[in-house]
């Protein structure tokens, strides 16, 4: 059992003994709440970014293909200097 687990057990025991009121959050609980909020924001931002990149992927692949084709076309059919 690590220190966090021991602290969590101590908090639960203290709550059972009515040493800490049930509505009052400890520092560890507040920190976990903030961490979960930040994590949910990061995950939703990553999901939105992935959706945006997925939407762009089709047109970008087409654009790269067209630009590559134009480059090959101009290289093959470039007028020769004499």
N, C-alpha and C. Protein backbone atom coordinates (compact mmCIF):
# COMPACT_ATOMS: atom_id res chain seq x y z
N UNK A 1 0.86 -1.17 0.00
CA UNK A 1 0.00 0.00 0.00
C UNK A 1 0.90 1.24 0.00
N UNK A 2 0.65 2.15 -0.93
CA UNK A 2 1.48 3.36 -0.99
C UNK A 2 0.87 4.47 -0.12
N UNK A 3 1.55 5.61 -0.12
CA UNK A 3 1.13 6.72 0.75
C UNK A 3 -0.26 7.24 0.39
N UNK A 4 -0.57 7.28 -0.92
CA UNK A 4 -1.89 7.77 -1.33
C UNK A 4 -3.00 6.86 -0.82
N UNK A 5 -2.77 5.55 -0.93
CA UNK A 5 -3.77 4.60 -0.45
C UNK A 5 -3.95 4.71 1.06
N UNK A 6 -2.83 4.86 1.77
CA UNK A 6 -2.91 4.99 3.22
C UNK A 6 -3.67 6.25 3.61
N UNK A 7 -3.42 7.35 2.87
CA UNK A 7 -4.13 8.60 3.17
C UNK A 7 -5.62 8.46 2.88
N UNK A 8 -5.93 7.78 1.78
CA UNK A 8 -7.34 7.58 1.43
C UNK A 8 -8.06 6.75 2.49
N UNK A 9 -7.39 5.70 2.97
CA UNK A 9 -7.98 4.87 4.03
C UNK A 9 -8.15 5.68 5.30
N UNK A 10 -7.15 6.51 5.63
CA UNK A 10 -7.24 7.34 6.83
C UNK A 10 -8.40 8.32 6.73
N UNK A 11 -8.61 8.89 5.53
CA UNK A 11 -9.73 9.82 5.33
C UNK A 11 -11.06 9.08 5.51
N UNK A 12 -11.15 7.88 4.94
CA UNK A 12 -12.40 7.11 5.07
C UNK A 12 -12.68 6.75 6.53
N UNK A 13 -11.63 6.35 7.25
CA UNK A 13 -11.79 6.02 8.66
C UNK A 13 -12.22 7.26 9.45
N UNK A 14 -11.58 8.40 9.16
CA UNK A 14 -11.93 9.64 9.85
C UNK A 14 -13.37 10.04 9.55
N UNK A 15 -13.81 9.82 8.31
CA UNK A 15 -15.20 10.14 7.96
C UNK A 15 -16.15 9.24 8.72
N UNK A 16 -15.77 7.96 8.82
CA UNK A 16 -16.63 7.02 9.55
C UNK A 16 -16.73 7.40 11.02
N UNK A 17 -15.66 7.95 11.55
CA UNK A 17 -15.66 8.37 12.95
C UNK A 17 -16.21 9.78 13.12
N UNK A 18 -16.70 10.37 12.05
CA UNK A 18 -17.27 11.72 12.04
C UNK A 18 -16.26 12.81 12.39
N UNK A 19 -14.98 12.53 12.15
CA UNK A 19 -13.97 13.56 12.40
C UNK A 19 -13.97 14.60 11.27
N UNK A 20 -14.30 14.15 10.07
CA UNK A 20 -14.39 15.06 8.92
C UNK A 20 -15.84 15.06 8.46
N UNK A 21 -16.46 16.22 8.36
CA UNK A 21 -17.85 16.28 7.87
C UNK A 21 -17.95 15.71 6.46
N UNK A 22 -19.05 15.07 6.17
CA UNK A 22 -19.22 14.39 4.89
C UNK A 22 -19.18 15.34 3.69
N UNK A 23 -19.61 16.58 3.85
CA UNK A 23 -19.65 17.51 2.73
C UNK A 23 -18.32 18.19 2.45
N UNK A 24 -17.34 18.03 3.32
CA UNK A 24 -16.07 18.72 3.20
C UNK A 24 -15.08 17.86 2.42
N UNK A 25 -14.46 18.43 1.40
CA UNK A 25 -13.49 17.68 0.60
C UNK A 25 -12.07 17.91 1.12
N UNK A 26 -11.27 16.86 1.06
CA UNK A 26 -9.88 16.98 1.48
C UNK A 26 -9.05 17.53 0.32
N UNK A 27 -7.80 17.88 0.61
CA UNK A 27 -6.91 18.39 -0.44
C UNK A 27 -6.74 17.37 -1.55
N UNK A 28 -6.57 16.12 -1.17
CA UNK A 28 -6.36 15.06 -2.16
C UNK A 28 -7.58 14.92 -3.07
N UNK A 29 -8.77 14.99 -2.50
CA UNK A 29 -9.99 14.89 -3.30
C UNK A 29 -10.14 16.09 -4.23
N UNK A 30 -9.81 17.28 -3.74
CA UNK A 30 -9.88 18.47 -4.59
C UNK A 30 -8.88 18.36 -5.74
N UNK A 31 -7.66 17.88 -5.43
CA UNK A 31 -6.64 17.72 -6.45
C UNK A 31 -7.08 16.70 -7.50
N UNK A 32 -7.66 15.60 -7.06
CA UNK A 32 -8.14 14.59 -8.01
C UNK A 32 -9.26 15.14 -8.89
N UNK A 33 -10.12 15.96 -8.32
CA UNK A 33 -11.20 16.57 -9.09
C UNK A 33 -10.63 17.48 -10.17
N UNK A 34 -9.64 18.28 -9.80
CA UNK A 34 -9.00 19.18 -10.77
C UNK A 34 -8.28 18.37 -11.84
N UNK A 35 -7.58 17.30 -11.43
CA UNK A 35 -6.87 16.47 -12.39
C UNK A 35 -7.84 15.83 -13.38
N UNK A 36 -8.97 15.34 -12.89
CA UNK A 36 -9.96 14.74 -13.78
C UNK A 36 -10.55 15.77 -14.75
N UNK A 37 -10.77 16.99 -14.25
CA UNK A 37 -11.30 18.04 -15.12
C UNK A 37 -10.30 18.39 -16.22
N UNK A 38 -9.03 18.52 -15.84
CA UNK A 38 -8.00 18.83 -16.84
C UNK A 38 -7.86 17.68 -17.83
N UNK A 39 -7.88 16.46 -17.33
CA UNK A 39 -7.77 15.29 -18.20
C UNK A 39 -8.93 15.23 -19.19
N UNK A 40 -10.14 15.52 -18.73
CA UNK A 40 -11.29 15.49 -19.64
C UNK A 40 -11.19 16.58 -20.70
N UNK A 41 -10.67 17.75 -20.33
CA UNK A 41 -10.48 18.83 -21.30
C UNK A 41 -9.44 18.42 -22.34
N UNK A 42 -8.34 17.82 -21.89
CA UNK A 42 -7.28 17.39 -22.81
C UNK A 42 -7.79 16.32 -23.76
N UNK A 43 -8.52 15.34 -23.22
CA UNK A 43 -9.03 14.26 -24.06
C UNK A 43 -10.03 14.78 -25.08
N UNK A 44 -10.93 15.67 -24.67
CA UNK A 44 -11.91 16.20 -25.62
C UNK A 44 -11.22 17.08 -26.67
N UNK A 45 -10.18 17.80 -26.27
CA UNK A 45 -9.43 18.61 -27.24
C UNK A 45 -8.72 17.72 -28.26
N UNK A 46 -8.13 16.63 -27.78
CA UNK A 46 -7.46 15.70 -28.69
C UNK A 46 -8.46 15.06 -29.64
N UNK A 47 -9.63 14.72 -29.13
CA UNK A 47 -10.66 14.13 -29.98
C UNK A 47 -11.11 15.12 -31.05
N UNK A 48 -11.28 16.37 -30.66
CA UNK A 48 -11.68 17.39 -31.63
C UNK A 48 -10.59 17.60 -32.67
N UNK A 49 -9.34 17.61 -32.23
CA UNK A 49 -8.21 17.78 -33.16
C UNK A 49 -8.13 16.60 -34.12
N UNK A 50 -8.34 15.38 -33.61
CA UNK A 50 -8.30 14.21 -34.48
C UNK A 50 -9.44 14.25 -35.51
N UNK A 51 -10.61 14.69 -35.09
CA UNK A 51 -11.73 14.81 -36.02
C UNK A 51 -11.43 15.85 -37.09
N UNK A 52 -10.82 16.96 -36.69
CA UNK A 52 -10.45 18.01 -37.63
C UNK A 52 -9.42 17.50 -38.63
N UNK A 53 -8.41 16.80 -38.14
CA UNK A 53 -7.37 16.26 -39.02
C UNK A 53 -7.97 15.21 -39.96
N UNK A 54 -8.89 14.41 -39.45
CA UNK A 54 -9.54 13.41 -40.30
C UNK A 54 -10.34 14.07 -41.41
N UNK A 55 -11.02 15.17 -41.09
CA UNK A 55 -11.77 15.90 -42.11
C UNK A 55 -10.83 16.49 -43.16
N UNK A 56 -9.64 16.92 -42.73
CA UNK A 56 -8.68 17.51 -43.66
C UNK A 56 -7.92 16.47 -44.46
N UNK A 57 -7.87 15.24 -43.98
CA UNK A 57 -7.01 14.22 -44.59
C UNK A 57 -7.38 13.97 -46.05
N UNK A 58 -8.66 13.85 -46.36
CA UNK A 58 -9.08 13.59 -47.73
C UNK A 58 -8.65 14.68 -48.69
N UNK A 59 -9.02 15.93 -48.43
CA UNK A 59 -8.59 17.01 -49.33
C UNK A 59 -7.07 17.18 -49.39
N UNK A 60 -6.38 16.96 -48.28
CA UNK A 60 -4.92 17.11 -48.30
C UNK A 60 -4.27 16.03 -49.15
N UNK A 61 -4.77 14.80 -49.06
CA UNK A 61 -4.23 13.72 -49.89
C UNK A 61 -4.47 14.05 -51.36
N UNK A 62 -5.65 14.54 -51.68
CA UNK A 62 -5.95 14.92 -53.06
C UNK A 62 -5.04 16.04 -53.53
N UNK A 63 -4.83 17.04 -52.68
CA UNK A 63 -3.97 18.16 -53.03
C UNK A 63 -2.54 17.70 -53.27
N UNK A 64 -2.03 16.84 -52.41
CA UNK A 64 -0.66 16.32 -52.59
C UNK A 64 -0.57 15.52 -53.88
N UNK A 65 -1.58 14.73 -54.18
CA UNK A 65 -1.59 13.96 -55.42
C UNK A 65 -1.59 14.87 -56.64
N UNK A 66 -2.42 15.91 -56.61
CA UNK A 66 -2.49 16.85 -57.74
C UNK A 66 -1.16 17.58 -57.91
N UNK A 67 -0.60 18.07 -56.80
CA UNK A 67 0.68 18.79 -56.89
C UNK A 67 1.79 17.87 -57.38
N UNK A 68 1.80 16.63 -56.92
CA UNK A 68 2.79 15.67 -57.40
C UNK A 68 2.62 15.38 -58.87
N UNK A 69 1.37 15.25 -59.32
CA UNK A 69 1.11 15.01 -60.74
C UNK A 69 1.56 16.18 -61.59
N UNK A 70 1.28 17.39 -61.13
CA UNK A 70 1.69 18.59 -61.87
C UNK A 70 3.21 18.65 -61.94
N UNK A 71 3.88 18.32 -60.87
CA UNK A 71 5.34 18.35 -60.85
C UNK A 71 5.91 17.31 -61.83
N UNK A 72 5.35 16.11 -61.84
CA UNK A 72 5.81 15.08 -62.78
C UNK A 72 5.51 15.51 -64.20
N UNK A 73 4.32 16.04 -64.43
CA UNK A 73 3.92 16.48 -65.77
C UNK A 73 4.88 17.54 -66.30
N UNK A 74 5.21 18.53 -65.48
CA UNK A 74 6.11 19.60 -65.93
C UNK A 74 7.53 19.08 -66.11
N UNK A 75 7.93 18.09 -65.32
CA UNK A 75 9.28 17.53 -65.47
C UNK A 75 9.40 16.72 -66.75
N UNK A 76 8.35 15.98 -67.10
CA UNK A 76 8.40 15.12 -68.29
C UNK A 76 8.26 15.95 -69.56
N UNK A 77 7.35 16.91 -69.54
CA UNK A 77 7.05 17.66 -70.76
C UNK A 77 7.67 19.05 -70.77
N UNK A 78 8.74 19.24 -70.03
CA UNK A 78 9.42 20.54 -70.02
C UNK A 78 10.09 20.74 -71.39
N UNK A 79 9.92 21.92 -71.96
CA UNK A 79 10.59 22.17 -73.25
C UNK A 79 12.11 22.10 -73.08
N UNK A 80 12.76 21.47 -74.03
CA UNK A 80 14.21 21.34 -73.98
C UNK A 80 14.86 22.59 -74.57
N UNK A 81 15.90 23.07 -73.94
CA UNK A 81 16.64 24.21 -74.48
C UNK A 81 17.72 23.70 -75.42
N UNK A 82 17.88 24.39 -76.54
CA UNK A 82 18.90 23.96 -77.50
C UNK A 82 19.96 24.97 -77.65
